[in-house]
Structure formats: structure tokens, C-alpha cells
């Protein structure tokens, strides 16, 4: 969608669409990681969201907290971080792309790869949240790069369609 001078971005609709897209894409990314796990079981014993929270001083009783579902312990704090990240970036993407449509180039794939590079190759290794990129296995890079493409593609498709429906003239 290209805005002409008469069109205005409906910020509320973009935020709603981005939020919904972020939740859905968060589930897509979790599913992706079940098919192509990015980390070995040893490295995932304390996952990057847990490590990041601990780096910010959040106690382990919270960062490693779990709930039980279907007889399995599930890391609720990690899920909060996962969906918080997913939803935040989906909202940012949806809002910004309504103003700057070039961001939708590649239906979100390029944006998703950029997020992977910035966080998984740049920021998180610099913070020592994850190992240096050269010390990460190639399986991690493949899973994370492709997973970020699938994640942001989902944000693009869902967010764009929801925004269209929310702003359609009746």
C-alpha cells in the first residue's frame, strides 16, 4: 500500500494488527524451533531469554519458573520474553511499514533477516547472552535465519491483512 497525500495511517488499526500478528507469528516461531531446534539441549537448558533476564538482575526463581501442562514443565518467563519480543517487533514493523512501504520488501523476509543479524549476530553476542557467532553451530544460524524469515513473513501477511480489514470502508 502506498499512501497518497489524502490517505492517513490509522495508528490504532496498525497497533491492533501488529499485536495480533505478533502473537500469531510468535507461535509460528515456536513451532519452527520445534522442527529445527536452534540450540543443543545443553545450550538450551538455560535459553537466551532466561540468560538475558538474569543479566538484567531478574532472579532465577522467576527466569527459570515453569508451569506444568500435559505433564511437561513449560518456561513461562521465556514465553513472556518470546511473545513480548515478537509482538513488539510486529507492532513496530506494521506501524513503520504503513509509513514506509519499502520495509515490506520481500514480504517481511528482509526485515526478519535484519532483526536476526542485529540481535543474534550483533547485540546478544556483544552482551554475552549467546556465544560469539563463530562459536555457534551452523545449525543455529540456519534455524534462526530461516525462522526469522518465517516469523516476519507471518507478521507481514497477518498484519497487512488485518490492517486492511480494520481500515476498509464499509
Protein backbone atom coordinates (compact mmCIF):
# COMPACT_ATOMS: atom_id res chain seq x y z
CA UNK A 1 0.00 0.00 0.00
CA UNK A 2 1.36 3.40 -0.93
CA UNK A 3 -0.11 6.37 0.84
CA UNK A 4 -1.12 9.33 -1.22
CA UNK A 5 -1.47 12.74 0.38
CA UNK A 6 -5.19 12.18 1.10
CA UNK A 7 -4.61 8.88 2.95
CA UNK A 8 -3.60 8.78 6.58
CA UNK A 9 -2.25 5.93 8.59
CA UNK A 10 -4.70 4.60 11.15
CA UNK A 11 -2.25 4.17 14.02
CA UNK A 12 -4.76 2.35 16.25
CA UNK A 13 -5.50 -0.17 13.47
CA UNK A 14 -1.77 -0.65 12.80
CA UNK A 15 -1.11 -1.34 16.50
CA UNK A 16 -4.02 -3.78 16.75
CA UNK A 17 -2.95 -5.54 13.54
CA UNK A 18 0.68 -5.68 14.66
CA UNK A 19 -0.25 -7.04 18.08
CA UNK A 20 -2.39 -9.83 16.63
CA UNK A 21 0.28 -10.62 14.02
CA UNK A 22 2.96 -10.73 16.74
CA UNK A 23 1.07 -13.29 18.80
CA UNK A 24 0.39 -15.49 15.78
CA UNK A 25 3.97 -15.18 14.49
CA UNK A 26 5.26 -15.97 17.98
CA UNK A 27 3.51 -19.33 17.74
CA UNK A 28 4.95 -19.82 14.23
CA UNK A 29 8.49 -19.19 15.56
CA UNK A 30 7.96 -21.60 18.48
CA UNK A 31 6.72 -24.24 16.05
CA UNK A 32 9.68 -23.59 13.77
CA UNK A 33 12.09 -24.15 16.64
CA UNK A 34 10.42 -27.48 17.45
CA UNK A 35 11.12 -28.67 13.90
CA UNK A 36 14.60 -27.10 13.56
CA UNK A 37 15.89 -26.52 17.11
CA UNK A 38 18.43 -23.68 17.08
CA UNK A 39 20.37 -24.84 20.13
CA UNK A 40 21.66 -28.11 21.53
CA UNK A 41 19.80 -29.37 24.63
CA UNK A 42 22.81 -28.37 26.75
CA UNK A 43 22.82 -24.79 25.43
CA UNK A 44 19.04 -24.62 25.73
CA UNK A 45 19.00 -25.73 29.38
CA UNK A 46 19.22 -22.00 30.12
CA UNK A 47 17.91 -20.35 26.96
CA UNK A 48 18.81 -16.86 25.69
CA UNK A 49 15.67 -15.18 27.08
CA UNK A 50 16.45 -16.61 30.53
CA UNK A 51 20.09 -15.57 30.25
CA UNK A 52 19.12 -12.05 29.17
CA UNK A 53 16.70 -11.64 32.07
CA UNK A 54 19.37 -12.85 34.50
CA UNK A 55 21.85 -10.37 33.00
CA UNK A 56 19.36 -7.66 33.93
CA UNK A 57 19.22 -8.94 37.52
CA UNK A 58 15.94 -10.84 37.43
CA UNK A 59 16.18 -13.72 39.94
CA UNK A 60 16.46 -17.30 38.71
CA UNK A 61 13.29 -18.27 40.57
CA UNK A 62 11.49 -16.08 38.02
CA UNK A 63 13.64 -16.59 34.90
CA UNK A 64 13.55 -20.35 35.27
CA UNK A 65 9.97 -20.55 36.51
CA UNK A 66 7.72 -23.08 34.86
CA UNK A 67 4.13 -24.18 34.69
CA UNK A 68 3.05 -27.75 34.00
CA UNK A 69 0.90 -28.64 31.05
CA UNK A 70 0.34 -32.17 29.76
CA UNK A 71 2.90 -33.40 32.30
CA UNK A 72 5.62 -31.15 30.84
CA UNK A 73 7.33 -28.23 32.50
CA UNK A 74 6.98 -25.13 30.32
CA UNK A 75 9.14 -22.00 30.83
CA UNK A 76 6.57 -19.23 31.34
CA UNK A 77 9.15 -16.43 31.75
CA UNK A 78 10.84 -17.44 28.48
CA UNK A 79 7.46 -17.43 26.76
CA UNK A 80 6.72 -13.92 28.08
CA UNK A 81 10.03 -12.71 26.63
CA UNK A 82 9.44 -14.61 23.36
CA UNK A 83 5.95 -13.21 22.80
CA UNK A 84 6.95 -9.77 24.09
CA UNK A 85 9.76 -9.60 21.52
CA UNK A 86 7.57 -11.00 18.76
CA UNK A 87 4.68 -8.66 19.43
CA UNK A 88 6.87 -5.58 19.93
CA UNK A 89 8.63 -6.06 16.61
CA UNK A 90 5.40 -6.94 14.81
CA UNK A 91 3.84 -3.67 16.01
CA UNK A 92 6.97 -1.70 15.06
CA UNK A 93 7.00 -3.36 11.63
CA UNK A 94 3.29 -2.81 10.98
CA UNK A 95 3.35 0.84 12.04
CA UNK A 96 6.59 1.71 10.25
CA UNK A 97 5.65 -0.13 7.08
CA UNK A 98 2.40 1.83 6.82
CA UNK A 99 4.53 4.99 6.68
CA UNK A 100 7.46 3.47 4.77
CA UNK A 101 6.14 0.71 2.47
CA UNK A 102 9.67 -0.17 1.26
CA UNK A 103 10.08 -2.00 4.59
CA UNK A 104 7.68 -4.65 3.23
CA UNK A 105 10.20 -5.55 0.52
CA UNK A 106 10.36 -9.33 0.40
CA UNK A 107 7.10 -9.57 2.38
CA UNK A 108 8.99 -9.11 5.65
CA UNK A 109 11.78 -11.59 4.86
CA UNK A 110 14.46 -8.92 4.57
CA UNK A 111 13.27 -7.19 7.75
CA UNK A 112 13.29 -10.56 9.56
CA UNK A 113 16.84 -11.31 8.41
CA UNK A 114 17.92 -7.84 9.53
CA UNK A 115 16.46 -8.47 13.01
CA UNK A 116 18.33 -11.80 13.16
CA UNK A 117 21.64 -10.17 12.19
CA UNK A 118 21.22 -7.26 14.59
CA UNK A 119 20.27 -9.41 17.58
CA UNK A 120 21.78 -12.87 17.06
CA UNK A 121 24.98 -11.84 15.27
CA UNK A 122 25.41 -8.42 16.90
CA UNK A 123 23.76 -7.38 20.16
CA UNK A 124 23.31 -10.70 22.00
CA UNK A 125 26.90 -11.92 21.37
CA UNK A 126 28.26 -8.50 22.40
CA UNK A 127 26.26 -8.76 25.62
CA UNK A 128 27.46 -12.37 26.11
CA UNK A 129 23.84 -13.57 26.09
CA UNK A 130 24.78 -16.07 23.36
CA UNK A 131 28.23 -17.18 22.17
CA UNK A 132 30.20 -15.33 19.53
CA UNK A 133 28.70 -16.09 16.08
CA UNK A 134 31.79 -18.07 15.01
CA UNK A 135 31.31 -20.25 18.12
CA UNK A 136 27.69 -21.00 17.33
CA UNK A 137 26.97 -24.16 15.33
CA UNK A 138 25.83 -23.74 11.74
CA UNK A 139 22.52 -25.41 12.68
CA UNK A 140 21.82 -22.47 14.98
CA UNK A 141 22.48 -19.92 12.25
CA UNK A 142 20.33 -21.83 9.74
CA UNK A 143 17.43 -22.31 12.16
CA UNK A 144 17.50 -18.72 13.42
CA UNK A 145 17.90 -17.11 9.99
CA UNK A 146 15.14 -19.16 8.36
CA UNK A 147 12.99 -18.89 11.50
CA UNK A 148 13.25 -15.10 11.44
CA UNK A 149 12.18 -15.11 7.78
CA UNK A 150 9.12 -17.28 8.56
CA UNK A 151 8.35 -15.18 11.66
CA UNK A 152 8.42 -11.82 9.90
CA UNK A 153 6.71 -13.15 6.77
CA UNK A 154 3.86 -14.20 9.08
CA UNK A 155 3.84 -10.72 10.62
CA UNK A 156 3.69 -9.17 7.16
CA UNK A 157 0.83 -11.32 5.87
CA UNK A 158 -1.28 -11.27 9.04
CA UNK A 159 -0.59 -7.64 9.94
CA UNK A 160 -1.21 -6.35 6.43
CA UNK A 161 -4.48 -8.25 6.05
CA UNK A 162 -5.78 -7.28 9.50
CA UNK A 163 -4.87 -3.63 8.87
CA UNK A 164 -6.69 -3.78 5.52
CA UNK A 165 -9.79 -5.24 7.17
CA UNK A 166 -9.71 -2.78 10.07
CA UNK A 167 -9.44 0.21 7.76
CA UNK A 168 -11.74 -0.94 4.94
CA UNK A 169 -14.57 1.47 4.19
CA UNK A 170 -17.90 -0.14 4.91
